[in-house]
Protein backbone atom coordinates (compact mmCIF):
# COMPACT_ATOMS: atom_id res chain seq x y z
CA MET A 1 -45.64 -19.63 41.03
CA LYS A 2 -44.21 -16.99 39.94
CA ASN A 3 -40.72 -18.08 41.87
CA LEU A 4 -40.65 -21.17 39.25
CA TYR A 5 -40.29 -19.71 36.24
CA LEU A 6 -37.86 -17.90 37.72
CA LEU A 7 -35.75 -20.73 39.06
CA PRO A 8 -35.48 -22.41 35.41
CA LEU A 9 -34.46 -18.56 34.02
CA THR A 10 -31.23 -17.94 36.31
CA ALA A 11 -30.07 -21.06 35.73
CA ILE A 12 -29.85 -20.78 32.21
CA ALA A 13 -28.58 -17.44 32.59
CA ALA A 14 -25.73 -19.04 34.99
CA CYS A 15 -24.87 -21.52 32.33
CA LEU A 16 -24.46 -18.77 29.65
CA VAL A 17 -22.42 -16.80 32.30
CA ALA A 18 -20.24 -20.05 32.44
CA ASN A 19 -19.82 -20.69 28.85
CA GLN A 20 -18.65 -17.31 27.91
CA ALA A 21 -16.15 -17.71 31.02
CA MET A 22 -14.79 -21.09 29.42
CA ALA A 23 -13.90 -19.68 26.29
CA VAL A 24 -9.73 -19.97 25.82
CA GLU A 25 -7.88 -17.63 23.32
CA ALA A 26 -4.75 -19.20 21.50
CA SER A 27 -2.18 -17.27 19.25
CA GLY A 28 0.77 -18.58 16.88
CA HIS A 29 2.36 -17.89 13.94
CA GLY A 30 2.15 -17.28 10.35
CA TYR A 31 4.67 -17.18 8.07
CA ALA A 32 5.59 -15.76 4.39
CA LYS A 33 8.45 -15.82 2.46
CA ALA A 34 9.65 -14.94 -0.95
CA LYS A 35 12.22 -15.96 -3.23
CA LEU A 36 14.33 -12.92 -5.42
CA VAL A 37 16.25 -13.39 -8.77
CA SER A 38 18.01 -11.30 -11.25
CA ALA A 39 16.53 -10.32 -13.95
CA VAL A 40 16.78 -12.04 -17.27
CA GLU A 41 18.07 -9.53 -20.68
CA VAL A 42 17.20 -10.52 -23.92
CA GLN A 43 19.57 -9.39 -26.13
CA SER A 44 20.45 -9.86 -30.02
CA ASP A 45 23.37 -8.54 -31.89
CA SER A 46 22.13 -6.59 -34.84
CA THR A 47 25.59 -7.51 -36.91
CA THR A 48 25.66 -11.16 -36.54
CA ASP A 49 22.57 -11.88 -34.81
CA SER A 50 20.09 -10.92 -37.34
CA LEU A 51 17.56 -12.79 -38.91
CA ASN A 52 19.51 -13.38 -42.61
CA PHE A 53 17.21 -14.00 -45.51
CA GLY A 54 20.77 -13.49 -47.78
CA THR A 55 20.50 -12.10 -51.74
CA MET A 56 17.89 -12.33 -54.01
CA SER A 57 16.96 -10.29 -56.82
CA ILE A 58 13.76 -8.03 -57.06
CA GLY A 59 10.56 -10.29 -57.34
CA ALA A 60 11.56 -12.54 -54.83
CA ASN A 61 8.70 -13.78 -52.96
CA GLY A 62 7.66 -16.04 -49.19
CA VAL A 63 11.58 -16.60 -49.22
CA VAL A 64 11.67 -18.33 -45.86
CA VAL A 65 14.79 -18.70 -43.26
CA ASN A 66 14.30 -21.51 -40.56
CA HIS A 67 14.68 -21.80 -37.22
CA ALA A 68 17.84 -23.60 -38.58
CA GLY A 69 18.61 -21.18 -40.84
CA GLN A 70 17.98 -22.98 -43.39
CA ARG A 71 16.49 -20.59 -46.84
CA SER A 72 13.79 -22.12 -49.06
CA GLY A 73 10.91 -20.67 -51.27
CA GLY A 74 11.66 -17.83 -53.90
CA GLU A 75 13.00 -20.33 -56.64
CA GLY A 76 14.64 -18.31 -59.48
CA TYR A 77 15.37 -15.78 -57.59
CA LEU A 78 17.92 -16.41 -54.89
CA ILE A 79 21.45 -14.98 -55.43
CA ASP A 80 24.37 -17.00 -53.22
CA ASP A 81 26.88 -14.27 -53.25
CA GLY A 82 28.43 -15.40 -49.75
CA ASN A 83 25.28 -13.39 -47.53
CA THR A 84 24.91 -16.56 -45.88
CA PRO A 85 21.19 -17.10 -44.98
CA GLN A 86 20.66 -17.61 -41.14
CA ALA A 87 18.19 -17.63 -38.49
CA ALA A 88 18.11 -14.78 -35.64
CA ARG A 89 19.94 -15.77 -32.26
CA ILE A 90 18.45 -14.33 -29.48
CA LYS A 91 20.36 -14.31 -26.30
CA LEU A 92 18.71 -14.73 -22.42
CA THR A 93 21.55 -12.96 -20.75
CA HIS A 94 21.23 -13.98 -17.30
CA GLN A 95 22.79 -15.00 -13.92
CA PRO A 96 23.15 -18.34 -12.50
CA ASP A 97 20.43 -17.54 -9.65
CA VAL A 98 17.81 -17.98 -12.51
CA ALA A 99 19.33 -20.98 -13.51
CA GLY A 100 16.06 -23.99 -13.15
CA GLN A 101 13.86 -21.30 -14.17
CA VAL A 102 11.74 -22.04 -17.22
CA VAL A 103 10.91 -19.36 -19.54
CA THR A 104 8.54 -19.14 -22.26
CA VAL A 105 8.73 -17.52 -25.44
CA ALA A 106 5.76 -15.00 -25.93
CA GLU A 107 4.50 -15.15 -30.33
CA ILE A 108 6.58 -13.27 -31.73
CA PRO A 109 4.41 -10.19 -34.04
CA ASN A 110 5.04 -9.51 -37.40
CA THR A 111 7.36 -6.53 -38.72
CA THR A 112 8.60 -4.98 -41.63
CA ILE A 113 12.07 -4.02 -43.01
CA THR A 114 13.29 -1.18 -44.44
CA ASP A 115 14.89 0.54 -46.94
CA GLY A 116 14.02 4.21 -47.14
CA SER A 117 10.20 4.52 -47.85
CA ALA A 118 10.37 0.76 -49.06
CA THR A 119 8.99 -2.09 -46.87
CA ILE A 120 8.83 -5.24 -46.37
CA PRO A 121 6.74 -7.52 -44.25
CA VAL A 122 8.68 -10.18 -42.39
CA THR A 123 5.65 -12.72 -41.22
CA SER A 124 5.77 -15.79 -39.28
CA LEU A 125 8.69 -15.30 -36.88
CA THR A 126 8.57 -18.81 -35.34
CA PRO A 127 11.41 -19.35 -32.51
CA SER A 128 13.88 -22.47 -32.26
CA SER A 129 11.34 -23.64 -28.92
CA THR A 130 8.49 -21.33 -27.17
CA THR A 131 10.08 -22.70 -23.56
CA THR A 132 13.31 -23.33 -22.73
CA THR A 133 14.76 -23.97 -19.42
CA LEU A 134 17.44 -21.78 -17.57
CA THR A 135 21.53 -23.33 -16.85
CA THR A 136 23.78 -22.01 -14.39
CA ALA A 137 25.44 -20.03 -17.57
CA GLU A 138 25.68 -16.78 -18.35
CA HIS A 139 23.35 -17.11 -20.82
CA ASP A 140 21.23 -19.01 -23.09
CA ASP A 141 19.95 -18.75 -26.76
CA PHE A 142 17.13 -19.93 -29.10
CA THR A 143 16.98 -19.02 -32.71
CA VAL A 144 14.23 -17.43 -35.08
CA GLY A 145 13.18 -17.81 -38.50
CA GLY A 146 10.61 -15.97 -40.59
CA THR A 147 9.30 -15.58 -43.97
CA LEU A 148 9.84 -12.55 -45.85
CA GLY A 149 7.04 -11.01 -48.37
CA ASN A 150 6.86 -10.42 -51.98
CA THR A 151 9.70 -7.98 -53.03
CA ALA A 152 8.18 -7.00 -56.37
CA ASP A 153 8.23 -3.13 -57.14
CA LYS A 154 10.17 -2.55 -54.07
CA PRO A 155 13.88 -0.66 -55.45
CA GLY A 156 17.23 -2.24 -54.72
CA GLY A 157 19.27 -1.84 -51.57
CA GLU A 158 19.67 -3.46 -48.10
CA TYR A 159 16.55 -3.41 -46.05
CA THR A 160 16.67 -3.61 -42.37
CA GLY A 161 14.88 -4.33 -38.97
CA SER A 162 13.81 -5.03 -35.80
CA PHE A 163 11.48 -7.48 -34.02
CA ASP A 164 10.28 -7.79 -30.47
CA VAL A 165 10.72 -10.55 -28.75
CA THR A 166 9.05 -10.85 -24.94
CA VAL A 167 9.53 -13.89 -23.05
CA SER A 168 8.37 -14.68 -19.36
CA TYR A 169 9.27 -16.70 -16.43
């Protein structure tokens, strides 16, 4: 009887060895790729491209220059002396290889403009568009408007400053 148990166990072991011998290997290739494009530079000229609220008398509050360069608010304090209000012009300088890339403008943080130790807040900095598609030109641009804070109790002078603009693509 002992031999009868050994025969089925031997058959099972033979099948297991046969299955292992039947394993087949195959190999192939996976692929990887990347597209490198030139960097986009964010530029603005402080002489010609600044957000300019124009000229006003001390006490103006809530003067707005929208992204189209139109000034409003500050009634009774605005002075038309040839210092033309304008929205800031932000240039996205790039190579043609980035044409077609969609650029997103991040929220622009508030800032201040100063003259000596005196400061005036500039808030609600708003781009003309939060997204733009880059063209084959060497630069694309958008504008930024904002709101000038209260000028009461500020000394007269030329107030200047800057604000940060971040784009992603």
